[in-house]
Amino acid sequence: MRLLLTSDTHVPTRARTLPQALLAAVDDADAVLHAGDWVDEATLDVLESRSRRLIGVYGNNDGPPLRGRLPEVARAELAGLRFAVVHETGAAGGRERRCVERFPDVDVLVFGHSHIPWDSTVGGLRLLNPGSSTDRRRQPFCTFMTVTVEDGTIRDVTLHRLPPKG
């Protein structure tokens, strides 16, 4: 199973549209996991219409319309792994411990908010933050992730760097 992980798209405040490379990856994915900060419903509509399966949550920049359509935490079993998606996990310091305590029944936690890619494992919990595909902040590139899962095992995690905005 091929998964696409994205977060903090912030359309239209940080970009007018989603990057074409991200949309192409959506088309190739079996499931798309979005960790919040969509900002507008049109982006949710685009990903819902293009995704085979969309698992998303709202973020701190998402207003009542998005909060009415999305949960704060989403959970799904995908290819034998238990996933949770959430926007915020707090400061980097102590993040792993907090997440293990908050999500004891999860194999993989996808989160956003910081715009900083993250990939770590602690106590059997894999934490993944795909960064942002539209707002690199202090990072050298805008990013998203793809993950390959087979028979309850992550086979591959790839951080994709997007070209600079023109």
Protein backbone atom coordinates (compact mmCIF):
# COMPACT_ATOMS: atom_id res chain seq x y z
CA MET A 1 0.00 0.00 0.00
CA ARG A 2 1.35 3.40 -1.01
CA LEU A 3 0.51 6.32 1.27
CA LEU A 4 0.95 10.03 0.74
CA LEU A 5 1.52 12.18 3.84
CA THR A 6 1.03 15.93 3.75
CA SER A 7 0.27 18.74 6.16
CA ASP A 8 0.13 22.49 6.52
CA THR A 9 -0.95 23.18 2.95
CA HIS A 10 -2.26 26.65 3.91
CA VAL A 11 -3.98 27.27 0.56
CA PRO A 12 -4.60 30.06 -0.43
CA THR A 13 -2.62 31.96 2.22
CA ARG A 14 0.82 30.41 1.57
CA ALA A 15 0.23 29.22 -2.00
CA ARG A 16 -2.51 29.71 -4.56
CA THR A 17 -2.80 25.99 -5.31
CA LEU A 18 -1.33 22.67 -4.31
CA PRO A 19 1.94 21.82 -6.09
CA GLN A 20 1.60 19.62 -9.19
CA ALA A 21 4.11 17.09 -7.82
CA LEU A 22 1.95 16.65 -4.73
CA LEU A 23 -1.20 16.21 -6.82
CA ALA A 24 0.54 13.61 -9.00
CA ALA A 25 1.53 11.73 -5.84
CA VAL A 26 -2.09 11.91 -4.62
CA ASP A 27 -3.18 10.24 -7.85
CA ASP A 28 -0.67 7.41 -7.26
CA ALA A 29 -1.50 6.85 -3.58
CA ASP A 30 -3.83 4.26 -2.14
CA ALA A 31 -4.52 6.65 0.76
CA VAL A 32 -3.73 10.28 1.57
CA LEU A 33 -3.15 11.38 5.17
CA HIS A 34 -3.36 15.15 5.80
CA ALA A 35 -2.31 16.42 9.23
CA GLY A 36 -4.24 19.70 9.22
CA ASP A 37 -3.95 23.40 8.44
CA TRP A 38 -5.81 23.19 5.16
CA VAL A 39 -7.10 26.79 5.63
CA ASP A 40 -9.84 26.49 2.99
CA GLU A 41 -12.50 23.94 2.15
CA ALA A 42 -11.58 23.98 -1.54
CA THR A 43 -8.32 22.18 -0.76
CA LEU A 44 -10.21 19.53 1.19
CA ASP A 45 -12.62 19.18 -1.75
CA VAL A 46 -9.74 18.75 -4.22
CA LEU A 47 -8.06 16.06 -2.14
CA GLU A 48 -11.37 14.29 -1.46
CA SER A 49 -12.13 14.18 -5.19
CA ARG A 50 -8.66 12.93 -6.21
CA SER A 51 -7.90 10.51 -3.38
CA ARG A 52 -8.85 6.87 -3.30
CA ARG A 53 -9.08 7.33 0.47
CA LEU A 54 -8.53 10.54 2.44
CA ILE A 55 -7.77 10.59 6.16
CA GLY A 56 -7.50 14.12 7.50
CA VAL A 57 -7.75 16.28 10.59
CA TYR A 58 -8.19 19.97 11.25
CA GLY A 59 -5.36 22.22 12.43
CA ASN A 60 -5.08 25.39 14.45
CA ASN A 61 -5.53 27.56 11.32
CA ASP A 62 -8.71 25.79 10.22
CA GLY A 63 -11.98 27.56 10.93
CA PRO A 64 -15.47 26.27 11.74
CA PRO A 65 -16.31 24.95 8.24
CA LEU A 66 -13.27 22.64 8.21
CA ARG A 67 -13.68 21.73 11.87
CA GLY A 68 -17.24 20.73 11.03
CA ARG A 69 -16.00 18.31 8.38
CA LEU A 70 -12.84 16.93 10.00
CA PRO A 71 -11.92 15.45 13.40
CA GLU A 72 -9.12 16.61 15.69
CA VAL A 73 -7.66 13.08 15.63
CA ALA A 74 -8.24 10.47 12.91
CA ARG A 75 -7.45 6.77 13.17
CA ALA A 76 -7.25 4.08 10.52
CA GLU A 77 -5.79 0.63 10.00
CA LEU A 78 -3.83 0.51 6.77
CA ALA A 79 -2.07 -2.62 5.49
CA GLY A 80 -1.94 -4.08 8.98
CA LEU A 81 -0.66 -0.97 10.81
CA ARG A 82 -2.65 1.26 13.17
CA PHE A 83 -2.30 4.92 12.15
CA ALA A 84 -3.35 8.09 13.94
CA VAL A 85 -3.26 11.58 12.44
CA VAL A 86 -3.17 14.76 14.54
CA HIS A 87 -2.06 18.31 13.84
CA GLU A 88 -0.21 19.38 16.97
CA THR A 89 2.05 17.36 19.27
CA GLY A 90 3.68 20.23 21.19
CA ALA A 91 7.32 21.26 21.36
CA ALA A 92 10.02 19.02 19.87
CA GLY A 93 11.53 18.50 23.32
CA GLY A 94 9.68 15.62 24.95
CA ARG A 95 7.54 14.99 21.85
CA GLU A 96 8.31 11.29 21.59
CA ARG A 97 7.47 10.57 25.24
CA ARG A 98 4.24 12.59 25.05
CA CYS A 99 3.14 10.84 21.86
CA VAL A 100 3.82 7.35 23.24
CA GLU A 101 1.71 8.24 26.28
CA ARG A 102 -1.10 9.84 24.25
CA PHE A 103 -1.22 7.16 21.52
CA PRO A 104 -0.39 3.84 23.23
CA ASP A 105 -2.51 1.82 20.77
CA VAL A 106 -0.97 3.23 17.56
CA ASP A 107 1.90 2.01 15.35
CA VAL A 108 2.35 5.20 13.33
CA LEU A 109 1.51 8.80 14.26
CA VAL A 110 1.35 11.36 11.45
CA PHE A 111 1.48 14.96 12.65
CA GLY A 112 2.08 18.48 11.35
CA HIS A 113 2.10 22.05 12.65
CA SER A 114 5.86 22.73 12.71
CA HIS A 115 6.44 22.55 8.92
CA ILE A 116 9.59 20.61 9.86
CA PRO A 117 9.95 17.03 8.57
CA TRP A 118 10.35 14.44 11.32
CA ASP A 119 10.92 10.69 11.28
CA SER A 120 11.66 8.85 14.51
CA THR A 121 10.71 5.67 16.32
CA VAL A 122 10.32 5.27 20.07
CA GLY A 123 8.78 2.43 22.03
CA GLY A 124 7.34 0.88 18.87
CA LEU A 125 5.69 4.14 17.75
CA ARG A 126 6.84 5.66 14.45
CA LEU A 127 6.38 9.44 14.32
CA LEU A 128 6.20 11.07 10.89
CA ASN A 129 5.81 14.74 9.98
CA PRO A 130 5.85 15.40 6.23
CA GLY A 131 6.65 19.11 6.61
CA SER A 132 4.70 21.49 4.37
CA SER A 133 4.28 21.32 0.61
CA THR A 134 3.63 25.08 0.35
CA ASP A 135 5.43 26.87 3.20
CA ARG A 136 9.00 25.82 3.97
CA ARG A 137 9.48 28.38 6.76
CA ARG A 138 13.03 27.79 8.04
CA GLN A 139 13.52 24.61 5.98
CA PRO A 140 15.48 24.54 2.72
CA PHE A 141 12.56 22.96 0.79
CA CYS A 142 8.83 22.47 0.84
CA THR A 143 8.18 18.76 1.38
CA PHE A 144 5.77 15.85 1.58
CA MET A 145 6.26 12.14 2.29
CA THR A 146 5.35 8.85 0.70
CA VAL A 147 5.27 5.65 2.71
CA THR A 148 5.06 2.06 1.49
CA VAL A 149 3.40 -0.40 3.89
CA GLU A 150 3.23 -4.16 3.33
CA ASP A 151 1.92 -6.82 5.69
CA GLY A 152 2.05 -4.63 8.77
CA THR A 153 5.55 -3.30 8.07
CA ILE A 154 6.78 0.04 6.78
CA ARG A 155 9.02 -0.83 3.83
CA ASP A 156 9.94 2.69 2.77
CA VAL A 157 9.57 6.32 3.86
CA THR A 158 10.60 8.95 1.31
CA LEU A 159 10.77 12.68 1.96
CA HIS A 160 10.07 14.49 -1.33
CA ARG A 161 11.57 17.92 -1.84
CA LEU A 162 9.59 20.29 -4.03
CA PRO A 163 11.17 22.82 -6.38
CA PRO A 164 11.18 26.44 -5.22
CA LYS A 165 8.02 28.41 -6.00
CA GLY A 166 8.31 30.44 -9.14
